[in-house]
N, C-alpha and C. Protein backbone atom coordinates (compact mmCIF):
# COMPACT_ATOMS: atom_id res chain seq x y z
N MET A 1 -2.15 -33.55 27.86
CA MET A 1 -1.27 -33.38 26.95
C MET A 1 0.32 -32.96 27.38
N ILE A 2 0.49 -32.61 28.33
CA ILE A 2 1.83 -32.35 28.68
C ILE A 2 2.58 -33.99 28.98
N ARG A 3 1.81 -34.67 29.67
CA ARG A 3 2.70 -36.12 29.94
C ARG A 3 2.90 -36.34 28.36
N PHE A 4 2.24 -36.63 27.30
CA PHE A 4 2.50 -37.08 25.85
C PHE A 4 3.54 -36.08 25.66
N ARG A 5 3.89 -34.82 25.90
CA ARG A 5 4.76 -33.87 25.21
C ARG A 5 6.35 -34.72 25.82
N ILE A 6 5.82 -34.88 27.04
CA ILE A 6 7.42 -35.27 27.81
C ILE A 6 7.92 -36.83 27.06
N PHE A 7 6.97 -37.65 27.18
CA PHE A 7 7.01 -39.16 26.40
C PHE A 7 7.72 -38.46 24.95
N PHE A 8 6.57 -37.66 24.42
CA PHE A 8 7.60 -38.24 22.98
C PHE A 8 9.12 -37.34 23.23
N LEU A 9 9.31 -36.36 24.15
CA LEU A 9 10.66 -35.93 24.00
C LEU A 9 11.76 -36.52 24.62
N SER A 10 11.36 -37.83 25.33
CA SER A 10 12.14 -38.77 25.98
C SER A 10 12.60 -39.53 25.28
N ASN A 11 14.20 -39.69 25.35
CA ASN A 11 15.12 -40.88 24.90
C ASN A 11 15.06 -42.13 25.17
N LEU A 12 14.19 -42.36 26.14
CA LEU A 12 14.12 -43.72 26.58
C LEU A 12 13.70 -44.58 26.05
N LEU A 13 12.29 -44.58 24.89
CA LEU A 13 11.97 -45.24 23.90
C LEU A 13 12.56 -45.07 22.49
N PRO A 14 12.72 -45.83 21.74
CA PRO A 14 13.02 -45.87 20.41
C PRO A 14 11.52 -45.23 19.49
N LYS A 15 12.09 -44.40 18.07
CA LYS A 15 11.23 -43.62 17.38
C LYS A 15 9.91 -44.34 16.79
N ASN A 16 10.22 -45.83 16.82
CA ASN A 16 9.06 -46.68 16.03
C ASN A 16 8.02 -46.79 17.29
N ILE A 17 8.69 -47.52 18.60
CA ILE A 17 7.48 -47.30 19.27
C ILE A 17 6.66 -46.01 19.51
N LYS A 18 7.40 -44.72 19.40
CA LYS A 18 6.70 -43.64 20.02
C LYS A 18 5.65 -43.31 18.81
N ILE A 19 5.90 -43.56 17.41
CA ILE A 19 5.08 -43.63 16.25
C ILE A 19 3.97 -44.31 16.67
N LYS A 20 4.10 -45.46 16.79
CA LYS A 20 3.11 -46.65 17.03
C LYS A 20 2.16 -46.40 18.07
N VAL A 21 2.72 -45.47 19.28
CA VAL A 21 1.86 -45.08 20.53
C VAL A 21 0.99 -43.77 19.93
N TYR A 22 1.41 -43.27 18.96
CA TYR A 22 1.17 -41.99 18.29
C TYR A 22 -0.10 -42.45 17.41
N ILE A 23 0.02 -43.31 16.64
CA ILE A 23 -1.33 -43.91 15.63
C ILE A 23 -2.34 -44.50 16.50
N THR A 24 -1.86 -45.43 17.21
CA THR A 24 -3.07 -46.17 18.20
C THR A 24 -3.63 -45.54 19.34
N ALA A 25 -3.05 -44.58 19.78
CA ALA A 25 -3.65 -43.70 21.07
C ALA A 25 -4.33 -42.51 20.81
N ILE A 26 -3.32 -41.89 20.09
CA ILE A 26 -3.44 -40.26 19.90
C ILE A 26 -4.41 -40.04 19.01
N PHE A 27 -4.02 -40.52 17.45
CA PHE A 27 -4.84 -40.06 16.65
C PHE A 27 -5.99 -40.20 16.47
N PRO A 28 -6.72 -41.51 16.91
CA PRO A 28 -7.83 -41.98 16.86
C PRO A 28 -8.68 -40.73 17.73
N VAL A 29 -8.00 -40.69 18.73
CA VAL A 29 -8.64 -39.59 19.76
C VAL A 29 -9.14 -38.18 19.14
N VAL A 30 -7.92 -37.61 18.31
CA VAL A 30 -8.02 -36.28 18.00
C VAL A 30 -8.99 -36.54 16.57
N VAL A 31 -9.38 -37.49 15.68
CA VAL A 31 -10.01 -37.66 14.81
C VAL A 31 -11.34 -38.52 15.13
N ASN A 32 -11.70 -38.63 16.72
CA ASN A 32 -13.03 -39.67 16.95
C ASN A 32 -14.35 -38.76 16.14
N GLY A 33 -15.04 -39.27 15.71
CA GLY A 33 -16.22 -39.00 14.98
C GLY A 33 -15.92 -37.80 13.52
N CYS A 34 -14.59 -38.38 13.44
CA CYS A 34 -14.51 -37.48 12.04
C CYS A 34 -15.34 -37.45 11.06
N GLU A 35 -16.18 -38.89 10.66
CA GLU A 35 -16.68 -39.17 9.16
C GLU A 35 -18.03 -38.22 9.87
N THR A 36 -18.32 -37.87 11.02
CA THR A 36 -19.55 -37.01 10.81
C THR A 36 -19.59 -35.26 10.82
N TRP A 37 -18.28 -35.15 10.96
CA TRP A 37 -18.05 -33.69 10.65
C TRP A 37 -18.13 -33.29 9.39
N SER A 38 -18.37 -32.00 9.10
CA SER A 38 -18.39 -31.34 7.85
C SER A 38 -17.17 -30.74 7.68
N LEU A 39 -15.89 -30.86 7.28
CA LEU A 39 -14.51 -30.29 7.44
C LEU A 39 -14.29 -29.44 6.65
N THR A 40 -13.94 -28.25 7.03
CA THR A 40 -13.68 -26.97 6.21
C THR A 40 -12.22 -27.46 5.93
N LEU A 41 -11.81 -26.63 5.23
CA LEU A 41 -10.25 -26.18 4.61
C LEU A 41 -9.54 -26.38 5.88
N ARG A 42 -9.98 -25.04 6.48
CA ARG A 42 -9.52 -24.37 7.81
C ARG A 42 -8.98 -25.84 8.92
N GLU A 43 -10.12 -26.42 9.15
CA GLU A 43 -10.19 -27.47 9.92
C GLU A 43 -9.19 -28.62 9.57
N GLU A 44 -9.12 -28.96 8.16
CA GLU A 44 -8.38 -30.04 7.52
C GLU A 44 -6.91 -29.47 8.05
N LEU A 45 -6.65 -28.03 7.65
CA LEU A 45 -5.28 -27.92 7.46
C LEU A 45 -4.77 -27.96 9.13
N ARG A 46 -5.34 -27.36 9.94
CA ARG A 46 -4.99 -27.62 11.54
C ARG A 46 -4.99 -29.27 11.97
N LEU A 47 -5.43 -30.33 11.52
CA LEU A 47 -5.30 -31.70 11.48
C LEU A 47 -4.09 -32.14 11.01
N ILE A 48 -3.70 -31.62 9.95
CA ILE A 48 -2.51 -31.42 9.34
C ILE A 48 -1.54 -31.16 10.19
N VAL A 49 -1.57 -29.63 10.79
CA VAL A 49 -0.31 -29.33 11.44
C VAL A 49 -0.26 -29.90 12.85
N PHE A 50 -1.24 -30.35 13.31
CA PHE A 50 -1.02 -31.02 14.41
C PHE A 50 -0.02 -32.60 14.49
N GLU A 51 -0.51 -32.91 13.26
CA GLU A 51 0.28 -34.20 12.89
C GLU A 51 1.54 -33.90 12.59
N ASN A 52 1.72 -32.95 12.23
CA ASN A 52 3.02 -32.43 11.38
C ASN A 52 4.18 -31.97 12.83
N ARG A 53 3.21 -31.82 13.68
CA ARG A 53 3.94 -31.16 14.85
C ARG A 53 4.43 -32.18 15.90
N VAL A 54 3.37 -33.42 15.90
CA VAL A 54 3.43 -34.39 16.75
C VAL A 54 4.78 -35.37 16.30
N LEU A 55 4.85 -35.21 14.80
CA LEU A 55 5.79 -35.99 14.27
C LEU A 55 7.14 -35.38 14.32
N ARG A 56 7.46 -34.06 14.32
CA ARG A 56 8.51 -33.65 14.29
C ARG A 56 8.98 -33.66 15.78
N LYS A 57 8.03 -33.38 16.83
CA LYS A 57 8.47 -34.16 18.38
C LYS A 57 9.15 -35.29 18.32
N ILE A 58 8.66 -36.30 17.48
CA ILE A 58 9.26 -37.39 17.69
C ILE A 58 10.60 -37.49 16.80
N CYS A 59 10.57 -37.10 15.66
CA CYS A 59 11.87 -37.75 14.71
C CYS A 59 12.84 -36.37 14.73
N MET A 60 12.76 -35.55 15.28
CA MET A 60 13.58 -34.23 15.07
C MET A 60 14.63 -34.28 16.10
N PRO A 61 15.90 -34.49 15.67
CA PRO A 61 17.20 -34.63 17.00
C PRO A 61 17.16 -33.66 17.62
N LYS A 62 17.85 -33.85 19.14
CA LYS A 62 17.62 -32.96 19.88
C LYS A 62 18.91 -32.00 19.78
N LYS A 63 19.15 -30.73 20.23
CA LYS A 63 19.73 -29.81 20.39
C LYS A 63 21.40 -30.40 20.63
N GLU A 64 21.40 -31.29 21.50
CA GLU A 64 22.72 -31.86 21.72
C GLU A 64 23.08 -33.06 20.98
N GLN A 65 22.26 -33.54 20.17
CA GLN A 65 22.78 -34.59 19.14
C GLN A 65 23.29 -33.89 17.65
N VAL A 66 22.71 -32.67 17.81
CA VAL A 66 23.33 -31.94 16.36
C VAL A 66 24.60 -31.44 16.97
N THR A 67 24.70 -30.85 17.77
CA THR A 67 26.23 -30.46 18.29
C THR A 67 27.49 -31.42 18.58
N GLU A 68 26.89 -32.48 18.72
CA GLU A 68 27.92 -33.61 18.94
C GLU A 68 28.73 -33.86 17.50
N GLU A 69 27.85 -33.98 16.17
CA GLU A 69 28.07 -34.33 14.84
C GLU A 69 28.98 -33.15 14.61
């Protein structure tokens, strides 16, 4: 997971590539076998929180970018 964090925080790749990697590689692993789960509201909310955290890491500007403007 640390490697993915470094990947998402890197400025070397554009955001659209990072989102595609998330959709094709990470999200399927997280919800693997989800159709057989009996999801409770708590588990569903945890999946939403995870997705929001990843997308926030990808899309939010870095501190240096905010101070430059």
